[in-house]
Amino acid sequence: MKPSSQQKTRQLAHDMLSPLASLGLLLNQEQNLGEEERIIANQALHRMQLLVEQLLDCPEALRNPTPPIKPVAIAPLLKAVVREQLIARKAKPNNKLNLNLPDLPFTVRCHVEPLVFECVISNLLTNAFDAAADKPGEVWVSLTCHGPRVVVTITDNGPGMPQIALRNYEKGIPYSTKKGGHGLGLLSAKSIALGWKGSLRIASENHGTSIILELPLSNQRR
């Protein structure tokens, strides 16, 4: 009998635990990392381990998330992921990552699962840099409020997405031009956003692409 998709997911997650543990040991033995870089790298590794554990416990929790009861501040989560990306891309000085966080959004809270939110943003940023292909990549990230909604916008300087990719996205059909890519990243992010009562839109015309993540604003601000 062939294993189900859930069994395959659990097996994959289980198989990932060992190399992640080894990576953690190597990371802590690395002498060339600065203290800040080590902390951020360990945080990223810890997030990966938590994701694997969630897949082992409940694969559907990540694919079909429901809005958590407790609202969380969005700006600190966004800043943490951007810091990770900056550290990871030190080896590529031609890549630029610009972050625009006005003062007001630091108090903004939404009903999201922090771990999953960080993973969604991290994947979207990676896709944005990949879009630049062989030229220096530049990405802009902004956080704003529009009425009762929080808007995270990620814009790249790539060539833009082909019309067939945009049409397929609207239809829920995977599409990828990247070698080895399966085109599930954006669709997965869209599914997660919908699970949080939000949306994920794409704006792309001839040059550059903007990914617009909108989430309902929580009434609780601190």
C-alpha atoms as a PDB file:
ATOM      1  CA  MET A   1       0.000   0.000   0.000  1.00  0.00           C
ATOM      2  CA  LYS A   2       1.345   3.398  -0.972  1.00  0.00           C
ATOM      3  CA  PRO A   3       1.955   5.859   1.882  1.00  0.00           C
ATOM      4  CA  SER A   4      -0.498   8.732   2.132  1.00  0.00           C
ATOM      5  CA  SER A   5       0.602  12.350   1.634  1.00  0.00           C
ATOM      6  CA  GLN A   6       0.303  12.876   5.389  1.00  0.00           C
ATOM      7  CA  GLN A   7       2.564   9.881   6.067  1.00  0.00           C
ATOM      8  CA  LYS A   8       5.089  11.205   3.550  1.00  0.00           C
ATOM      9  CA  THR A   9       5.014  14.617   5.235  1.00  0.00           C
ATOM     10  CA  ARG A  10       5.594  13.099   8.656  1.00  0.00           C
ATOM     11  CA  GLN A  11       8.455  10.951   7.359  1.00  0.00           C
ATOM     12  CA  LEU A  12      10.084  13.935   5.654  1.00  0.00           C
ATOM     13  CA  ALA A  13       9.764  16.027   8.813  1.00  0.00           C
ATOM     14  CA  HIS A  14      11.239  13.205  10.885  1.00  0.00           C
ATOM     15  CA  ASP A  15      14.162  12.815   8.480  1.00  0.00           C
ATOM     16  CA  MET A  16      14.919  16.547   8.721  1.00  0.00           C
ATOM     17  CA  LEU A  17      15.392  16.562  12.495  1.00  0.00           C
ATOM     18  CA  SER A  18      18.800  14.869  12.453  1.00  0.00           C
ATOM     19  CA  PRO A  19      20.523  17.162   9.910  1.00  0.00           C
ATOM     20  CA  LEU A  20      19.035  20.191  11.665  1.00  0.00           C
ATOM     21  CA  ALA A  21      20.567  19.044  14.943  1.00  0.00           C
ATOM     22  CA  SER A  22      23.937  18.555  13.220  1.00  0.00           C
ATOM     23  CA  LEU A  23      23.680  21.991  11.642  1.00  0.00           C
ATOM     24  CA  GLY A  24      23.084  23.497  15.075  1.00  0.00           C
ATOM     25  CA  LEU A  25      26.259  21.884  16.434  1.00  0.00           C
ATOM     26  CA  LEU A  26      28.320  23.102  13.481  1.00  0.00           C
ATOM     27  CA  LEU A  27      26.862  26.586  13.808  1.00  0.00           C
ATOM     28  CA  ASN A  28      27.909  26.898  17.448  1.00  0.00           C
ATOM     29  CA  GLN A  29      31.425  25.686  16.588  1.00  0.00           C
ATOM     30  CA  GLU A  30      31.885  28.187  13.748  1.00  0.00           C
ATOM     31  CA  GLN A  31      34.565  30.695  14.769  1.00  0.00           C
ATOM     32  CA  ASN A  32      34.057  33.281  12.032  1.00  0.00           C
ATOM     33  CA  LEU A  33      30.540  34.308  13.045  1.00  0.00           C
ATOM     34  CA  GLY A  34      29.994  37.509  15.022  1.00  0.00           C
ATOM     35  CA  GLU A  35      27.793  37.361  18.109  1.00  0.00           C
ATOM     36  CA  GLU A  36      24.817  39.036  16.409  1.00  0.00           C
ATOM     37  CA  GLU A  37      25.140  36.769  13.385  1.00  0.00           C
ATOM     38  CA  ARG A  38      25.297  33.701  15.630  1.00  0.00           C
ATOM     39  CA  ILE A  39      22.159  34.756  17.531  1.00  0.00           C
ATOM     40  CA  ILE A  40      20.187  35.431  14.352  1.00  0.00           C
ATOM     41  CA  ALA A  41      21.353  32.185  12.736  1.00  0.00           C
ATOM     42  CA  ASN A  42      20.364  30.229  15.841  1.00  0.00           C
ATOM     43  CA  GLN A  43      16.954  31.916  15.827  1.00  0.00           C
ATOM     44  CA  ALA A  44      16.430  30.905  12.194  1.00  0.00           C
ATOM     45  CA  LEU A  45      17.516  27.344  12.950  1.00  0.00           C
ATOM     46  CA  HIS A  46      15.202  27.204  15.966  1.00  0.00           C
ATOM     47  CA  ARG A  47      12.305  28.324  13.782  1.00  0.00           C
ATOM     48  CA  MET A  48      13.065  25.554  11.302  1.00  0.00           C
ATOM     49  CA  GLN A  49      13.089  22.995  14.104  1.00  0.00           C
ATOM     50  CA  LEU A  50       9.750  24.253  15.411  1.00  0.00           C
ATOM     51  CA  LEU A  51       8.265  23.968  11.925  1.00  0.00           C
ATOM     52  CA  VAL A  52       9.438  20.389  11.611  1.00  0.00           C
ATOM     53  CA  GLU A  53       7.963  19.578  15.022  1.00  0.00           C
ATOM     54  CA  GLN A  54       4.657  21.115  13.952  1.00  0.00           C
ATOM     55  CA  LEU A  55       4.671  18.987  10.814  1.00  0.00           C
ATOM     56  CA  LEU A  56       5.211  15.910  12.942  1.00  0.00           C
ATOM     57  CA  ASP A  57       2.409  16.844  15.322  1.00  0.00           C
ATOM     58  CA  CYS A  58      -0.138  18.126  12.844  1.00  0.00           C
ATOM     59  CA  PRO A  59       0.694  18.585   9.135  1.00  0.00           C
ATOM     60  CA  GLU A  60      -2.638  20.274   8.474  1.00  0.00           C
ATOM     61  CA  ALA A  61      -1.906  23.026  11.014  1.00  0.00           C
ATOM     62  CA  LEU A  62       0.538  24.691   8.637  1.00  0.00           C
ATOM     63  CA  ARG A  63      -1.413  24.078   5.448  1.00  0.00           C
ATOM     64  CA  ASN A  64      -4.756  25.247   6.840  1.00  0.00           C
ATOM     65  CA  PRO A  65      -4.039  27.591   9.764  1.00  0.00           C
ATOM     66  CA  THR A  66      -6.848  29.187  11.750  1.00  0.00           C
ATOM     67  CA  PRO A  67      -6.575  32.650  13.301  1.00  0.00           C
ATOM     68  CA  PRO A  68      -4.929  32.380  16.739  1.00  0.00           C
ATOM     69  CA  ILE A  69      -6.863  33.829  19.668  1.00  0.00           C
ATOM     70  CA  LYS A  70      -4.047  36.069  20.881  1.00  0.00           C
ATOM     71  CA  PRO A  71      -3.039  38.972  18.591  1.00  0.00           C
ATOM     72  CA  VAL A  72       0.668  39.617  18.062  1.00  0.00           C
ATOM     73  CA  ALA A  73       2.663  42.709  17.086  1.00  0.00           C
ATOM     74  CA  ILE A  74       3.544  42.549  13.396  1.00  0.00           C
ATOM     75  CA  ALA A  75       6.450  45.013  13.141  1.00  0.00           C
ATOM     76  CA  PRO A  76       8.871  43.119  15.444  1.00  0.00           C
ATOM     77  CA  LEU A  77       8.238  39.891  13.514  1.00  0.00           C
ATOM     78  CA  LEU A  78       8.872  41.668  10.227  1.00  0.00           C
ATOM     79  CA  LYS A  79      12.078  43.268  11.527  1.00  0.00           C
ATOM     80  CA  ALA A  80      13.375  39.914  12.788  1.00  0.00           C
ATOM     81  CA  VAL A  81      12.985  38.274   9.373  1.00  0.00           C
ATOM     82  CA  VAL A  82      14.587  41.242   7.608  1.00  0.00           C
ATOM     83  CA  ARG A  83      17.577  41.041   9.979  1.00  0.00           C
ATOM     84  CA  GLU A  84      17.981  37.367   9.138  1.00  0.00           C
ATOM     85  CA  GLN A  85      17.912  38.115   5.420  1.00  0.00           C
ATOM     86  CA  LEU A  86      20.502  40.892   5.807  1.00  0.00           C
ATOM     87  CA  ILE A  87      22.864  38.561   7.661  1.00  0.00           C
ATOM     88  CA  ALA A  88      22.308  35.754   5.163  1.00  0.00           C
ATOM     89  CA  ARG A  89      23.096  38.050   2.225  1.00  0.00           C
ATOM     90  CA  LYS A  90      26.322  39.581   3.525  1.00  0.00           C
ATOM     91  CA  ALA A  91      28.136  37.386   1.032  1.00  0.00           C
ATOM     92  CA  LYS A  92      26.207  39.159  -1.742  1.00  0.00           C
ATOM     93  CA  PRO A  93      26.913  42.881  -1.170  1.00  0.00           C
ATOM     94  CA  ASN A  94      25.194  43.823  -4.443  1.00  0.00           C
ATOM     95  CA  ASN A  95      21.858  42.766  -2.970  1.00  0.00           C
ATOM     96  CA  LYS A  96      19.983  45.532  -1.160  1.00  0.00           C
ATOM     97  CA  LEU A  97      17.070  45.190   1.248  1.00  0.00           C
ATOM     98  CA  ASN A  98      15.152  48.347   2.147  1.00  0.00           C
ATOM     99  CA  LEU A  99      12.731  48.375   5.091  1.00  0.00           C
ATOM    100  CA  ASN A 100      10.101  51.068   5.625  1.00  0.00           C
ATOM    101  CA  LEU A 101       8.378  50.871   9.018  1.00  0.00           C
ATOM    102  CA  PRO A 102       6.596  54.078  10.066  1.00  0.00           C
ATOM    103  CA  ASP A 103       6.255  54.698  13.815  1.00  0.00           C
ATOM    104  CA  LEU A 104       2.549  53.832  14.012  1.00  0.00           C
ATOM    105  CA  PRO A 105       2.749  50.209  12.825  1.00  0.00           C
ATOM    106  CA  PHE A 106       4.981  49.229  15.777  1.00  0.00           C
ATOM    107  CA  THR A 107       1.761  49.094  17.813  1.00  0.00           C
ATOM    108  CA  VAL A 108      -0.149  47.176  15.156  1.00  0.00           C
ATOM    109  CA  ARG A 109      -1.369  43.702  16.117  1.00  0.00           C
ATOM    110  CA  CYS A 110      -2.941  40.945  14.037  1.00  0.00           C
ATOM    111  CA  HIS A 111      -4.267  37.457  14.691  1.00  0.00           C
ATOM    112  CA  VAL A 112      -1.438  35.423  13.137  1.00  0.00           C
ATOM    113  CA  GLU A 113       0.728  32.505  14.172  1.00  0.00           C
ATOM    114  CA  PRO A 114       4.167  34.184  14.655  1.00  0.00           C
ATOM    115  CA  LEU A 115       6.227  31.213  13.467  1.00  0.00           C
ATOM    116  CA  VAL A 116       4.218  30.742  10.289  1.00  0.00           C
ATOM    117  CA  PHE A 117       4.121  34.510   9.603  1.00  0.00           C
ATOM    118  CA  GLU A 118       7.919  34.696   9.799  1.00  0.00           C
ATOM    119  CA  CYS A 119       8.262  31.739   7.442  1.00  0.00           C
ATOM    120  CA  VAL A 120       5.854  33.266   4.927  1.00  0.00           C
ATOM    121  CA  ILE A 121       7.750  36.583   4.914  1.00  0.00           C
ATOM    122  CA  SER A 122      11.124  34.831   4.719  1.00  0.00           C
ATOM    123  CA  ASN A 123      10.010  32.802   1.692  1.00  0.00           C
ATOM    124  CA  LEU A 124       8.557  35.862  -0.023  1.00  0.00           C
ATOM    125  CA  LEU A 125      11.815  37.782   0.495  1.00  0.00           C
ATOM    126  CA  THR A 126      13.850  34.889  -0.889  1.00  0.00           C
ATOM    127  CA  ASN A 127      11.580  34.745  -3.944  1.00  0.00           C
ATOM    128  CA  ALA A 128      11.951  38.506  -4.393  1.00  0.00           C
ATOM    129  CA  PHE A 129      15.751  38.298  -4.495  1.00  0.00           C
ATOM    130  CA  ASP A 130      15.627  35.250  -6.774  1.00  0.00           C
ATOM    131  CA  ALA A 131      13.536  37.293  -9.220  1.00  0.00           C
ATOM    132  CA  ALA A 132      16.532  39.518  -9.985  1.00  0.00           C
ATOM    133  CA  ALA A 133      18.231  36.531 -11.651  1.00  0.00           C
ATOM    134  CA  ASP A 134      21.802  37.487 -12.621  1.00  0.00           C
ATOM    135  CA  LYS A 135      21.658  41.210 -11.856  1.00  0.00           C
ATOM    136  CA  PRO A 136      21.999  42.827  -8.390  1.00  0.00           C
ATOM    137  CA  GLY A 137      18.764  42.340  -6.508  1.00  0.00           C
ATOM    138  CA  GLU A 138      17.007  45.123  -4.647  1.00  0.00           C
ATOM    139  CA  VAL A 139      13.941  44.537  -2.497  1.00  0.00           C
ATOM    140  CA  TRP A 140      11.679  46.988  -0.693  1.00  0.00           C
ATOM    141  CA  VAL A 141       9.578  46.003   2.320  1.00  0.00           C
ATOM    142  CA  SER A 142       6.928  48.260   3.823  1.00  0.00           C
ATOM    143  CA  LEU A 143       4.341  47.992   6.585  1.00  0.00           C
ATOM    144  CA  THR A 144       1.341  50.322   6.538  1.00  0.00           C
ATOM    145  CA  CYS A 145      -2.222  50.554   7.807  1.00  0.00           C
ATOM    146  CA  HIS A 146      -5.205  51.110   5.536  1.00  0.00           C
ATOM    147  CA  GLY A 147      -8.379  51.415   7.552  1.00  0.00           C
ATOM    148  CA  PRO A 148      -8.994  48.180   9.447  1.00  0.00           C
ATOM    149  CA  ARG A 149      -6.225  46.293   7.643  1.00  0.00           C
ATOM    150  CA  VAL A 150      -2.470  45.921   7.926  1.00  0.00           C
ATOM    151  CA  VAL A 151      -0.582  45.818   4.624  1.00  0.00           C
ATOM    152  CA  VAL A 152       2.858  44.279   4.126  1.00  0.00           C
ATOM    153  CA  THR A 153       4.262  44.991   0.658  1.00  0.00           C
ATOM    154  CA  ILE A 154       7.355  43.296  -0.767  1.00  0.00           C
ATOM    155  CA  THR A 155       8.606  44.693  -4.085  1.00  0.00           C
ATOM    156  CA  ASP A 156      11.533  43.472  -6.194  1.00  0.00           C
ATOM    157  CA  ASN A 157      13.454  44.869  -9.165  1.00  0.00           C
ATOM    158  CA  GLY A 158      13.130  41.737 -11.269  1.00  0.00           C
ATOM    159  CA  PRO A 159      11.716  41.520 -14.799  1.00  0.00           C
ATOM    160  CA  GLY A 160       8.165  40.947 -13.592  1.00  0.00           C
ATOM    161  CA  MET A 161       6.019  37.836 -13.758  1.00  0.00           C
ATOM    162  CA  PRO A 162       4.713  36.463 -17.055  1.00  0.00           C
ATOM    163  CA  GLN A 163       0.981  36.750 -17.625  1.00  0.00           C
ATOM    164  CA  ILE A 164       0.560  32.984 -17.572  1.00  0.00           C
ATOM    165  CA  ALA A 165       2.034  32.900 -14.057  1.00  0.00           C
ATOM    166  CA  LEU A 166      -0.399  35.587 -12.885  1.00  0.00           C
ATOM    167  CA  ARG A 167      -3.356  33.780 -14.462  1.00  0.00           C
ATOM    168  CA  ASN A 168      -2.311  30.481 -12.918  1.00  0.00           C
ATOM    169  CA  TYR A 169      -1.946  32.111  -9.511  1.00  0.00           C
ATOM    170  CA  GLU A 170      -5.501  33.423  -9.676  1.00  0.00           C
ATOM    171  CA  LYS A 171      -6.698  29.924 -10.610  1.00  0.00           C
ATOM    172  CA  GLY A 172      -4.653  28.243  -7.883  1.00  0.00           C
ATOM    173  CA  ILE A 173      -2.356  26.467 -10.355  1.00  0.00           C
ATOM    174  CA  PRO A 174       1.349  26.129  -9.436  1.00  0.00           C
ATOM    175  CA  TYR A 175       3.777  27.832 -11.832  1.00  0.00           C
ATOM    176  CA  SER A 176       7.525  28.345 -11.548  1.00  0.00           C
ATOM    177  CA  THR A 177      10.294  29.470 -13.890  1.00  0.00           C
ATOM    178  CA  LYS A 178      13.008  28.662 -11.336  1.00  0.00           C
ATOM    179  CA  LYS A 179      15.047  25.522 -11.912  1.00  0.00           C
ATOM    180  CA  GLY A 180      13.889  22.941  -9.415  1.00  0.00           C
ATOM    181  CA  GLY A 181      10.987  25.147  -8.347  1.00  0.00           C
ATOM    182  CA  HIS A 182       7.494  23.780  -7.946  1.00  0.00           C
ATOM    183  CA  GLY A 183       5.526  27.031  -7.773  1.00  0.00           C
ATOM    184  CA  LEU A 184       3.806  26.181  -4.510  1.00  0.00           C
ATOM    185  CA  GLY A 185       5.322  29.009  -2.419  1.00  0.00           C
ATOM    186  CA  LEU A 186       2.928  31.789  -3.394  1.00  0.00           C
ATOM    187  CA  LEU A 187      -0.094  29.518  -3.335  1.00  0.00           C
ATOM    188  CA  SER A 188       0.845  28.284   0.123  1.00  0.00           C
ATOM    189  CA  ALA A 189       1.290  31.869   1.348  1.00  0.00           C
ATOM    190  CA  LYS A 190      -2.084  32.781  -0.150  1.00  0.00           C
ATOM    191  CA  SER A 191      -3.750  29.844   1.599  1.00  0.00           C
ATOM    192  CA  ILE A 192      -2.230  30.883   4.920  1.00  0.00           C
ATOM    193  CA  ALA A 193      -3.331  34.506   4.444  1.00  0.00           C
ATOM    194  CA  LEU A 194      -6.881  33.372   3.680  1.00  0.00           C
ATOM    195  CA  GLY A 195      -6.812  31.235   6.822  1.00  0.00           C
ATOM    196  CA  TRP A 196      -6.076  34.404   8.782  1.00  0.00           C
ATOM    197  CA  LYS A 197      -8.999  36.203   7.089  1.00  0.00           C
ATOM    198  CA  GLY A 198      -6.548  38.157   4.950  1.00  0.00           C
ATOM    199  CA  SER A 199      -5.416  38.149   1.323  1.00  0.00           C
ATOM    200  CA  LEU A 200      -2.289  37.910  -0.820  1.00  0.00           C
ATOM    201  CA  ARG A 201      -2.240  39.809  -4.119  1.00  0.00           C
ATOM    202  CA  ILE A 202       0.343  40.170  -6.882  1.00  0.00           C
ATOM    203  CA  ALA A 203       0.999  43.347  -8.856  1.00  0.00           C
ATOM    204  CA  SER A 204       3.401  42.860 -11.762  1.00  0.00           C
ATOM    205  CA  GLU A 205       3.570  44.770 -15.028  1.00  0.00           C
ATOM    206  CA  ASN A 206       6.593  44.391 -17.299  1.00  0.00           C
ATOM    207  CA  HIS A 207       9.150  45.278 -14.614  1.00  0.00           C
ATOM    208  CA  GLY A 208       9.268  44.414 -10.921  1.00  0.00           C
ATOM    209  CA  THR A 209       6.743  42.537  -8.829  1.00  0.00           C
ATOM    210  CA  SER A 210       4.921  43.552  -5.662  1.00  0.00           C
ATOM    211  CA  ILE A 211       3.459  40.981  -3.286  1.00  0.00           C
ATOM    212  CA  ILE A 212       0.768  42.581  -1.122  1.00  0.00           C
ATOM    213  CA  LEU A 213      -0.185  40.771   2.066  1.00  0.00           C
ATOM    214  CA  GLU A 214      -3.247  42.221   3.815  1.00  0.00           C
ATOM    215  CA  LEU A 215      -4.378  41.161   7.286  1.00  0.00           C
ATOM    216  CA  PRO A 216      -7.256  42.334   9.470  1.00  0.00           C
ATOM    217  CA  LEU A 217      -6.163  44.646  12.258  1.00  0.00           C
ATOM    218  CA  SER A 218      -6.785  43.502  15.818  1.00  0.00           C
ATOM    219  CA  ASN A 219      -8.653  45.885  18.107  1.00  0.00           C
ATOM    220  CA  GLN A 220      -6.010  45.345  20.808  1.00  0.00           C
ATOM    221  CA  ARG A 221      -3.122  47.789  20.656  1.00  0.00           C
ATOM    222  CA  ARG A 222      -0.384  48.282  23.237  1.00  0.00           C
END
